Amino acid sequence: MTTLGVDLGGTNIRAGVRVGDSITQRAETVLKDQHSYDGTLGQLIDLIRSLMSPEVKGIGIAVPSIVDSERGIVYDVVNIPSWKEVGLRRILEDAFGVPVGVDNDANCFAWGEWQFGMAKGHRHAVGITLGTGVGSGVIINSKIYRGANGGAGEIGYLPYKDRDFEFYGASFYFKEVHKSSALEEAQKAEQGDARALKIWDTFGIHIGDLVKAVTYAFDPEVIVFGGSISNAFHLFEPSMKRTLSSQFYFPGSMSRLKIIKSENKNITLLGASALILPS
């Protein structure tokens, strides 16, 4: 079945047509005015319309917000202040006349990895996105676990040290602690800069502690990392694994855990496109 996946970010909207396990057509646009509800919604609809055809039998959309996936309502969308409470499913079903699924973007990332990517074949998986923030999607018994109010998996807000994991595991760490960016420090580290290599070594320790917390909470078979900072996975993987080899009260769980970097740039689109399938 041909479906359409959409990734609504705070800066860009991406969309793609899925046929089988692949995205065959893509379109992208920059959000022009996040403070205009009608303007951003119009951009979203126009982008979807540019890819719609009679072959497309459903639409799935990934949104950076708390989502009532049963009713298709999104709340307080990140970086789009005009979207406080939007009945997105109803709006898009009325506009295009096909079934629409809506979920949190990290859930769509994890669902994509489980359906089509690195977590395929596992019943229990966690997808973690490292970028502007720390997000995660949780798959338990081959289903997305959303919790009672759609907020399950927000591991970035777990208390850690003097702040939380989002501060130490995302762009805040580089910006606030080191007055830099992950991209800049990765470029320096690739050139052998000792200070940058140390920064990534410490970052890996924080991510190792994050993996421990996730493993205590969910005991997954596999954790897949995505997001822009995961492009530097090779820079923080050694210290992350070193941290994981230290004290952990259930060593059997840790020894069997697979930790993998996402390899498909379209995985969130694929996950969103599969939301209308049974999950």
C-alpha atoms as a PDB file:
ATOM      1  CA  MET A   1       0.000   0.000   0.000  1.00  0.00           C
ATOM      2  CA  THR A   2       1.299   3.440  -0.938  1.00  0.00           C
ATOM      3  CA  THR A   3       1.237   5.939   1.937  1.00  0.00           C
ATOM      4  CA  LEU A   4       2.600   9.397   2.668  1.00  0.00           C
ATOM      5  CA  GLY A   5       4.826  10.255   5.628  1.00  0.00           C
ATOM      6  CA  VAL A   6       5.285  13.790   6.948  1.00  0.00           C
ATOM      7  CA  ASP A   7       7.815  15.134   9.458  1.00  0.00           C
ATOM      8  CA  LEU A   8       6.665  18.484  10.850  1.00  0.00           C
ATOM      9  CA  GLY A   9       9.654  20.210  12.415  1.00  0.00           C
ATOM     10  CA  GLY A  10       9.869  23.629  13.971  1.00  0.00           C
ATOM     11  CA  THR A  11      11.966  24.880  11.043  1.00  0.00           C
ATOM     12  CA  ASN A  12      11.184  22.593   8.104  1.00  0.00           C
ATOM     13  CA  ILE A  13       8.428  20.300   6.899  1.00  0.00           C
ATOM     14  CA  ARG A  14       9.516  17.163   5.065  1.00  0.00           C
ATOM     15  CA  ALA A  15       7.258  14.688   3.307  1.00  0.00           C
ATOM     16  CA  GLY A  16       7.748  11.517   1.315  1.00  0.00           C
ATOM     17  CA  VAL A  17       5.776   8.858  -0.503  1.00  0.00           C
ATOM     18  CA  ARG A  18       6.403   5.330   0.750  1.00  0.00           C
ATOM     19  CA  VAL A  19       6.157   2.363  -1.566  1.00  0.00           C
ATOM     20  CA  GLY A  20       7.126  -0.858   0.188  1.00  0.00           C
ATOM     21  CA  ASP A  21      10.141  -0.168   2.405  1.00  0.00           C
ATOM     22  CA  SER A  22      11.353   2.927   0.569  1.00  0.00           C
ATOM     23  CA  ILE A  23      10.600   6.616   0.159  1.00  0.00           C
ATOM     24  CA  THR A  24      10.250   7.127  -3.593  1.00  0.00           C
ATOM     25  CA  GLN A  25       9.373  10.826  -3.749  1.00  0.00           C
ATOM     26  CA  ARG A  26      10.289  13.639  -1.356  1.00  0.00           C
ATOM     27  CA  ALA A  27       9.416  17.271  -0.855  1.00  0.00           C
ATOM     28  CA  GLU A  28      10.548  19.818   1.729  1.00  0.00           C
ATOM     29  CA  THR A  29       9.758  23.393   2.634  1.00  0.00           C
ATOM     30  CA  VAL A  30      10.926  25.925   5.214  1.00  0.00           C
ATOM     31  CA  LEU A  31       8.280  27.140   7.659  1.00  0.00           C
ATOM     32  CA  LYS A  32       7.843  30.846   6.993  1.00  0.00           C
ATOM     33  CA  ASP A  33       5.844  32.078   9.983  1.00  0.00           C
ATOM     34  CA  GLN A  34       5.457  29.792  12.959  1.00  0.00           C
ATOM     35  CA  HIS A  35       3.328  32.433  14.698  1.00  0.00           C
ATOM     36  CA  SER A  36       0.592  32.168  12.069  1.00  0.00           C
ATOM     37  CA  TYR A  37      -1.702  29.199  12.624  1.00  0.00           C
ATOM     38  CA  ASP A  38      -3.337  29.504   9.219  1.00  0.00           C
ATOM     39  CA  GLY A  39      -0.022  30.132   7.490  1.00  0.00           C
ATOM     40  CA  THR A  40       1.773  27.079   8.897  1.00  0.00           C
ATOM     41  CA  LEU A  41      -1.254  24.850   8.365  1.00  0.00           C
ATOM     42  CA  GLY A  42      -1.529  26.112   4.787  1.00  0.00           C
ATOM     43  CA  GLN A  43       2.128  25.298   4.141  1.00  0.00           C
ATOM     44  CA  LEU A  44       1.644  21.803   5.525  1.00  0.00           C
ATOM     45  CA  ILE A  45      -1.403  21.149   3.368  1.00  0.00           C
ATOM     46  CA  ASP A  46       0.273  22.558   0.250  1.00  0.00           C
ATOM     47  CA  LEU A  47       3.330  20.339   0.742  1.00  0.00           C
ATOM     48  CA  ILE A  48       1.177  17.241   1.201  1.00  0.00           C
ATOM     49  CA  ARG A  49      -0.901  18.158  -1.844  1.00  0.00           C
ATOM     50  CA  SER A  50       2.252  18.343  -3.971  1.00  0.00           C
ATOM     51  CA  LEU A  51       2.823  14.614  -3.376  1.00  0.00           C
ATOM     52  CA  MET A  52      -0.742  13.316  -3.293  1.00  0.00           C
ATOM     53  CA  SER A  53      -2.038  11.002  -5.978  1.00  0.00           C
ATOM     54  CA  PRO A  54      -4.851   8.429  -6.270  1.00  0.00           C
ATOM     55  CA  GLU A  55      -2.320   5.759  -5.258  1.00  0.00           C
ATOM     56  CA  VAL A  56      -1.756   7.312  -1.806  1.00  0.00           C
ATOM     57  CA  LYS A  57      -4.135   5.556   0.573  1.00  0.00           C
ATOM     58  CA  GLY A  58      -3.164   7.184   3.851  1.00  0.00           C
ATOM     59  CA  ILE A  59      -1.102   9.887   5.546  1.00  0.00           C
ATOM     60  CA  GLY A  60       0.991   9.703   8.713  1.00  0.00           C
ATOM     61  CA  ILE A  61       2.496  12.768  10.346  1.00  0.00           C
ATOM     62  CA  ALA A  62       5.248  13.081  12.950  1.00  0.00           C
ATOM     63  CA  VAL A  63       4.931  16.115  15.222  1.00  0.00           C
ATOM     64  CA  PRO A  64       7.308  17.398  17.958  1.00  0.00           C
ATOM     65  CA  SER A  65       4.685  17.626  20.685  1.00  0.00           C
ATOM     66  CA  ILE A  66       2.478  15.725  23.065  1.00  0.00           C
ATOM     67  CA  VAL A  67       0.005  13.891  20.843  1.00  0.00           C
ATOM     68  CA  ASP A  68      -3.361  12.313  21.565  1.00  0.00           C
ATOM     69  CA  SER A  69      -2.841   9.677  18.907  1.00  0.00           C
ATOM     70  CA  GLU A  70      -6.304   8.171  19.373  1.00  0.00           C
ATOM     71  CA  ARG A  71      -8.019  11.440  18.491  1.00  0.00           C
ATOM     72  CA  GLY A  72      -5.250  12.871  16.340  1.00  0.00           C
ATOM     73  CA  ILE A  73      -4.848  16.059  18.389  1.00  0.00           C
ATOM     74  CA  VAL A  74      -1.476  17.762  18.928  1.00  0.00           C
ATOM     75  CA  TYR A  75      -0.669  20.080  21.843  1.00  0.00           C
ATOM     76  CA  ASP A  76       1.939  22.843  22.214  1.00  0.00           C
ATOM     77  CA  VAL A  77       4.006  21.966  19.157  1.00  0.00           C
ATOM     78  CA  VAL A  78       7.709  22.717  19.722  1.00  0.00           C
ATOM     79  CA  ASN A  79       8.865  25.911  17.946  1.00  0.00           C
ATOM     80  CA  ILE A  80       5.401  26.520  16.469  1.00  0.00           C
ATOM     81  CA  PRO A  81       3.780  28.687  19.159  1.00  0.00           C
ATOM     82  CA  SER A  82       0.576  29.153  17.151  1.00  0.00           C
ATOM     83  CA  TRP A  83      -0.204  25.430  17.474  1.00  0.00           C
ATOM     84  CA  LYS A  84      -1.540  25.123  21.019  1.00  0.00           C
ATOM     85  CA  GLU A  85      -4.236  22.503  20.364  1.00  0.00           C
ATOM     86  CA  VAL A  86      -4.814  21.336  16.811  1.00  0.00           C
ATOM     87  CA  GLY A  87      -7.158  18.565  15.651  1.00  0.00           C
ATOM     88  CA  LEU A  88      -4.714  17.604  12.937  1.00  0.00           C
ATOM     89  CA  ARG A  89      -6.246  14.261  11.995  1.00  0.00           C
ATOM     90  CA  ARG A  90      -9.680  15.724  11.319  1.00  0.00           C
ATOM     91  CA  ILE A  91      -8.245  18.660   9.370  1.00  0.00           C
ATOM     92  CA  LEU A  92      -6.138  16.463   7.088  1.00  0.00           C
ATOM     93  CA  GLU A  93      -8.795  13.790   6.617  1.00  0.00           C
ATOM     94  CA  ASP A  94     -11.265  16.498   5.581  1.00  0.00           C
ATOM     95  CA  ALA A  95      -8.686  17.975   3.195  1.00  0.00           C
ATOM     96  CA  PHE A  96      -7.546  14.751   1.514  1.00  0.00           C
ATOM     97  CA  GLY A  97     -10.198  12.108   2.125  1.00  0.00           C
ATOM     98  CA  VAL A  98      -7.823   9.357   3.310  1.00  0.00           C
ATOM     99  CA  PRO A  99      -7.060   7.952   6.776  1.00  0.00           C
ATOM    100  CA  VAL A 100      -4.549   9.996   8.783  1.00  0.00           C
ATOM    101  CA  GLY A 101      -2.337   8.938  11.695  1.00  0.00           C
ATOM    102  CA  VAL A 102      -0.606  11.419  14.015  1.00  0.00           C
ATOM    103  CA  ASP A 103       2.110  10.755  16.584  1.00  0.00           C
ATOM    104  CA  ASN A 104       5.120  12.255  18.334  1.00  0.00           C
ATOM    105  CA  ASP A 105       8.200  12.538  16.113  1.00  0.00           C
ATOM    106  CA  ALA A 106      10.397  10.394  18.370  1.00  0.00           C
ATOM    107  CA  ASN A 107       7.716   7.689  18.372  1.00  0.00           C
ATOM    108  CA  CYS A 108       7.730   7.826  14.576  1.00  0.00           C
ATOM    109  CA  PHE A 109      11.518   7.509  14.544  1.00  0.00           C
ATOM    110  CA  ALA A 110      11.369   4.420  16.748  1.00  0.00           C
ATOM    111  CA  TRP A 111       8.437   2.966  14.803  1.00  0.00           C
ATOM    112  CA  GLY A 112      10.332   3.475  11.565  1.00  0.00           C
ATOM    113  CA  GLU A 113      13.387   1.690  12.926  1.00  0.00           C
ATOM    114  CA  TRP A 114      11.207  -1.158  14.188  1.00  0.00           C
ATOM    115  CA  GLN A 115       9.245  -1.526  10.962  1.00  0.00           C
ATOM    116  CA  PHE A 116      11.954  -0.867   8.391  1.00  0.00           C
ATOM    117  CA  GLY A 117      15.329  -0.258  10.020  1.00  0.00           C
ATOM    118  CA  MET A 118      17.884  -1.298  12.599  1.00  0.00           C
ATOM    119  CA  ALA A 119      15.351  -2.536  15.200  1.00  0.00           C
ATOM    120  CA  LYS A 120      13.431  -4.759  12.799  1.00  0.00           C
ATOM    121  CA  GLY A 121      12.918  -8.238  14.193  1.00  0.00           C
ATOM    122  CA  HIS A 122      12.974  -7.176  17.859  1.00  0.00           C
ATOM    123  CA  ARG A 123       9.935  -7.043  20.150  1.00  0.00           C
ATOM    124  CA  HIS A 124      11.367  -4.468  22.559  1.00  0.00           C
ATOM    125  CA  ALA A 125      13.240  -1.436  21.268  1.00  0.00           C
ATOM    126  CA  VAL A 126      13.965   2.196  22.102  1.00  0.00           C
ATOM    127  CA  GLY A 127      14.813   4.887  19.571  1.00  0.00           C
ATOM    128  CA  ILE A 128      16.725   7.860  20.983  1.00  0.00           C
ATOM    129  CA  THR A 129      17.152  11.105  19.067  1.00  0.00           C
ATOM    130  CA  LEU A 130      20.023  13.420  19.975  1.00  0.00           C
ATOM    131  CA  GLY A 131      19.770  16.906  18.529  1.00  0.00           C
ATOM    132  CA  THR A 132      18.272  20.128  19.808  1.00  0.00           C
ATOM    133  CA  GLY A 133      16.896  17.976  22.604  1.00  0.00           C
ATOM    134  CA  VAL A 134      16.791  14.337  23.674  1.00  0.00           C
ATOM    135  CA  GLY A 135      13.735  12.437  22.505  1.00  0.00           C
ATOM    136  CA  SER A 136      12.799   8.793  22.532  1.00  0.00           C
ATOM    137  CA  GLY A 137      10.199   6.395  21.280  1.00  0.00           C
ATOM    138  CA  VAL A 138       9.536   3.113  23.065  1.00  0.00           C
ATOM    139  CA  ILE A 139       8.423  -0.143  21.458  1.00  0.00           C
ATOM    140  CA  ILE A 140       7.123  -2.751  23.912  1.00  0.00           C
ATOM    141  CA  ASN A 141       5.816  -6.110  22.693  1.00  0.00           C
ATOM    142  CA  SER A 142       6.006  -4.811  19.104  1.00  0.00           C
ATOM    143  CA  LYS A 143       3.740  -1.816  19.826  1.00  0.00           C
ATOM    144  CA  ILE A 144       4.437   1.867  20.414  1.00  0.00           C
ATOM    145  CA  TYR A 145       4.167   2.590  24.134  1.00  0.00           C
ATOM    146  CA  ARG A 146       2.613   6.036  24.565  1.00  0.00           C
ATOM    147  CA  GLY A 147       1.514   5.995  28.212  1.00  0.00           C
ATOM    148  CA  ALA A 148      -1.767   7.243  29.642  1.00  0.00           C
ATOM    149  CA  ASN A 149      -1.485  10.765  28.232  1.00  0.00           C
ATOM    150  CA  GLY A 150       0.806  10.339  25.243  1.00  0.00           C
ATOM    151  CA  GLY A 151       3.884  11.481  27.150  1.00  0.00           C
ATOM    152  CA  ALA A 152       5.761   8.205  27.655  1.00  0.00           C
ATOM    153  CA  GLY A 153       9.403   8.097  26.637  1.00  0.00           C
ATOM    154  CA  GLU A 154      10.351  11.673  27.539  1.00  0.00           C
ATOM    155  CA  ILE A 155      13.669  10.494  28.933  1.00  0.00           C
ATOM    156  CA  GLY A 156      15.380  13.802  28.261  1.00  0.00           C
ATOM    157  CA  TYR A 157      13.550  15.306  31.227  1.00  0.00           C
ATOM    158  CA  LEU A 158      14.735  12.688  33.696  1.00  0.00           C
ATOM    159  CA  PRO A 159      16.798  14.412  36.419  1.00  0.00           C
ATOM    160  CA  TYR A 160      20.526  13.969  35.914  1.00  0.00           C
ATOM    161  CA  LYS A 161      23.351  15.603  37.824  1.00  0.00           C
ATOM    162  CA  ASP A 162      22.348  19.238  38.449  1.00  0.00           C
ATOM    163  CA  ARG A 163      19.959  19.421  35.456  1.00  0.00           C
ATOM    164  CA  ASP A 164      18.524  16.656  33.274  1.00  0.00           C
ATOM    165  CA  PHE A 165      19.608  14.331  30.471  1.00  0.00           C
ATOM    166  CA  GLU A 166      18.451  16.788  27.817  1.00  0.00           C
ATOM    167  CA  PHE A 167      20.949  19.369  29.055  1.00  0.00           C
ATOM    168  CA  TYR A 168      23.889  16.945  29.052  1.00  0.00           C
ATOM    169  CA  GLY A 169      22.857  14.834  26.050  1.00  0.00           C
ATOM    170  CA  ALA A 170      21.877  17.364  23.404  1.00  0.00           C
ATOM    171  CA  SER A 171      22.904  20.663  21.832  1.00  0.00           C
ATOM    172  CA  PHE A 172      22.624  22.423  25.213  1.00  0.00           C
ATOM    173  CA  TYR A 173      25.752  20.596  26.375  1.00  0.00           C
ATOM    174  CA  PHE A 174      27.843  22.077  23.598  1.00  0.00           C
ATOM    175  CA  LYS A 175      26.223  25.517  23.606  1.00  0.00           C
ATOM    176  CA  GLU A 176      25.896  26.164  27.324  1.00  0.00           C
ATOM    177  CA  VAL A 177      28.881  24.266  28.720  1.00  0.00           C
ATOM    178  CA  HIS A 178      31.413  24.683  25.923  1.00  0.00           C
ATOM    179  CA  LYS A 179      30.093  27.788  24.103  1.00  0.00           C
ATOM    180  CA  SER A 180      30.219  25.891  20.840  1.00  0.00           C
ATOM    181  CA  SER A 181      28.147  23.469  18.768  1.00  0.00           C
ATOM    182  CA  ALA A 182      28.213  19.735  18.208  1.00  0.00           C
ATOM    183  CA  LEU A 183      29.075  20.255  14.553  1.00  0.00           C
ATOM    184  CA  GLU A 184      32.014  22.528  15.369  1.00  0.00           C
ATOM    185  CA  GLU A 185      33.394  20.167  18.013  1.00  0.00           C
ATOM    186  CA  ALA A 186      32.977  17.183  15.698  1.00  0.00           C
ATOM    187  CA  GLN A 187      34.958  18.935  12.971  1.00  0.00           C
ATOM    188  CA  LYS A 188      37.717  19.774  15.444  1.00  0.00           C
ATOM    189  CA  ALA A 189      37.778  16.238  16.816  1.00  0.00           C
ATOM    190  CA  GLU A 190      38.104  14.793  13.319  1.00  0.00           C
ATOM    191  CA  GLN A 191      41.233  16.924  12.939  1.00  0.00           C
ATOM    192  CA  GLY A 192      42.668  15.524  16.176  1.00  0.00           C
ATOM    193  CA  ASP A 193      42.003  18.522  18.421  1.00  0.00           C
ATOM    194  CA  ALA A 194      42.674  17.302  21.978  1.00  0.00           C
ATOM    195  CA  ARG A 195      40.130  19.581  23.639  1.00  0.00           C
ATOM    196  CA  ALA A 196      37.355  18.527  21.260  1.00  0.00           C
ATOM    197  CA  LEU A 197      38.191  14.855  21.713  1.00  0.00           C
ATOM    198  CA  LYS A 198      37.908  15.332  25.478  1.00  0.00           C
ATOM    199  CA  ILE A 199      34.536  17.028  25.062  1.00  0.00           C
ATOM    200  CA  TRP A 200      33.230  14.048  23.093  1.00  0.00           C
ATOM    201  CA  ASP A 201      34.719  11.647  25.613  1.00  0.00           C
ATOM    202  CA  THR A 202      32.784  13.356  28.417  1.00  0.00           C
ATOM    203  CA  PHE A 203      29.656  13.522  26.266  1.00  0.00           C
ATOM    204  CA  GLY A 204      29.866   9.756  25.792  1.00  0.00           C
ATOM    205  CA  ILE A 205      29.928   9.271  29.552  1.00  0.00           C
ATOM    206  CA  HIS A 206      26.651  11.189  29.818  1.00  0.00           C
ATOM    207  CA  ILE A 207      25.113   9.136  27.011  1.00  0.00           C
ATOM    208  CA  GLY A 208      26.282   5.961  28.733  1.00  0.00           C
ATOM    209  CA  ASP A 209      24.438   7.043  31.868  1.00  0.00           C
ATOM    210  CA  LEU A 210      21.388   7.763  29.700  1.00  0.00           C
ATOM    211  CA  VAL A 211      21.529   4.262  28.221  1.00  0.00           C
ATOM    212  CA  LYS A 212      21.717   2.823  31.734  1.00  0.00           C
ATOM    213  CA  ALA A 213      18.592   4.752  32.753  1.00  0.00           C
ATOM    214  CA  VAL A 214      16.723   3.586  29.647  1.00  0.00           C
ATOM    215  CA  THR A 215      17.786  -0.009  30.240  1.00  0.00           C
ATOM    216  CA  TYR A 216      16.667   0.063  33.863  1.00  0.00           C
ATOM    217  CA  ALA A 217      13.295   1.505  32.779  1.00  0.00           C
ATOM    218  CA  PHE A 218      12.502  -0.568  29.682  1.00  0.00           C
ATOM    219  CA  ASP A 219      15.067  -3.404  29.358  1.00  0.00           C
ATOM    220  CA  PRO A 220      15.030  -3.248  25.537  1.00  0.00           C
ATOM    221  CA  GLU A 221      16.708  -5.647  23.149  1.00  0.00           C
ATOM    222  CA  VAL A 222      18.045  -2.785  21.047  1.00  0.00           C
ATOM    223  CA  ILE A 223      18.578   0.972  21.297  1.00  0.00           C
ATOM    224  CA  VAL A 224      18.903   2.930  18.057  1.00  0.00           C
ATOM    225  CA  PHE A 225      20.390   6.430  18.082  1.00  0.00           C
ATOM    226  CA  GLY A 226      19.302   9.053  15.588  1.00  0.00           C
ATOM    227  CA  GLY A 227      19.244  12.833  15.301  1.00  0.00           C
ATOM    228  CA  SER A 228      21.941  15.203  14.112  1.00  0.00           C
ATOM    229  CA  ILE A 229      24.362  14.528  16.984  1.00  0.00           C
ATOM    230  CA  SER A 230      24.293  10.800  16.246  1.00  0.00           C
ATOM    231  CA  ASN A 231      26.380  11.596  13.162  1.00  0.00           C
ATOM    232  CA  ALA A 232      29.263  11.835  15.648  1.00  0.00           C
ATOM    233  CA  PHE A 233      28.437   8.435  17.157  1.00  0.00           C
ATOM    234  CA  HIS A 234      31.963   7.162  16.503  1.00  0.00           C
ATOM    235  CA  LEU A 235      33.336  10.019  18.612  1.00  0.00           C
ATOM    236  CA  PHE A 236      31.335   9.252  21.745  1.00  0.00           C
ATOM    237  CA  GLU A 237      30.755   5.502  21.365  1.00  0.00           C
ATOM    238  CA  PRO A 238      34.026   4.423  23.080  1.00  0.00           C
ATOM    239  CA  SER A 239      33.406   6.365  26.305  1.00  0.00           C
ATOM    240  CA  MET A 240      29.713   5.430  26.209  1.00  0.00           C
ATOM    241  CA  LYS A 241      30.650   1.732  26.112  1.00  0.00           C
ATOM    242  CA  ARG A 242      33.272   2.260  28.800  1.00  0.00           C
ATOM    243  CA  THR A 243      30.587   3.740  31.024  1.00  0.00           C
ATOM    244  CA  LEU A 244      28.247   0.842  30.285  1.00  0.00           C
ATOM    245  CA  SER A 245      30.913  -1.613  31.414  1.00  0.00           C
ATOM    246  CA  SER A 246      30.900  -0.066  34.896  1.00  0.00           C
ATOM    247  CA  GLN A 247      28.434  -0.944  37.634  1.00  0.00           C
ATOM    248  CA  PHE A 248      25.048  -2.106  36.385  1.00  0.00           C
ATOM    249  CA  TYR A 249      22.843  -4.238  38.604  1.00  0.00           C
ATOM    250  CA  PHE A 250      21.473  -6.452  35.820  1.00  0.00           C
ATOM    251  CA  PRO A 251      24.550  -7.315  33.757  1.00  0.00           C
ATOM    252  CA  GLY A 252      22.661  -9.893  31.698  1.00  0.00           C
ATOM    253  CA  SER A 253      20.417  -7.177  30.271  1.00  0.00           C
ATOM    254  CA  MET A 254      23.370  -4.973  29.413  1.00  0.00           C
ATOM    255  CA  SER A 255      25.427  -7.763  27.856  1.00  0.00           C
ATOM    256  CA  ARG A 256      22.600  -8.670  25.471  1.00  0.00           C
ATOM    257  CA  LEU A 257      21.661  -5.081  24.607  1.00  0.00           C
ATOM    258  CA  LYS A 258      22.414  -3.963  21.054  1.00  0.00           C
ATOM    259  CA  ILE A 259      23.264  -0.263  20.603  1.00  0.00           C
ATOM    260  CA  ILE A 260      23.163   0.894  17.003  1.00  0.00           C
ATOM    261  CA  LYS A 261      23.281   4.125  15.017  1.00  0.00           C
ATOM    262  CA  SER A 262      20.439   4.786  12.581  1.00  0.00           C
ATOM    263  CA  GLU A 263      21.494   4.463   8.953  1.00  0.00           C
ATOM    264  CA  ASN A 264      18.403   5.708   7.093  1.00  0.00           C
ATOM    265  CA  LYS A 265      17.855   9.455   6.718  1.00  0.00           C
ATOM    266  CA  ASN A 266      14.193   8.835   5.850  1.00  0.00           C
ATOM    267  CA  ILE A 267      13.405   6.642   8.853  1.00  0.00           C
ATOM    268  CA  THR A 268      11.068   9.137  10.565  1.00  0.00           C
ATOM    269  CA  LEU A 269       9.142   9.600   7.313  1.00  0.00           C
ATOM    270  CA  LEU A 270       8.895   5.824   6.988  1.00  0.00           C
ATOM    271  CA  GLY A 271       7.686   5.493  10.561  1.00  0.00           C
ATOM    272  CA  ALA A 272       5.092   8.229  10.104  1.00  0.00           C
ATOM    273  CA  SER A 273       3.896   6.657   6.865  1.00  0.00           C
ATOM    274  CA  ALA A 274       3.219   3.404   8.733  1.00  0.00           C
ATOM    275  CA  LEU A 275       1.114   4.974  11.500  1.00  0.00           C
ATOM    276  CA  ILE A 276      -2.136   4.076   9.741  1.00  0.00           C
ATOM    277  CA  LEU A 277      -1.150   0.392   9.794  1.00  0.00           C
ATOM    278  CA  PRO A 278      -2.048  -1.655  12.890  1.00  0.00           C
ATOM    279  CA  SER A 279       0.383  -0.788  15.707  1.00  0.00           C
END
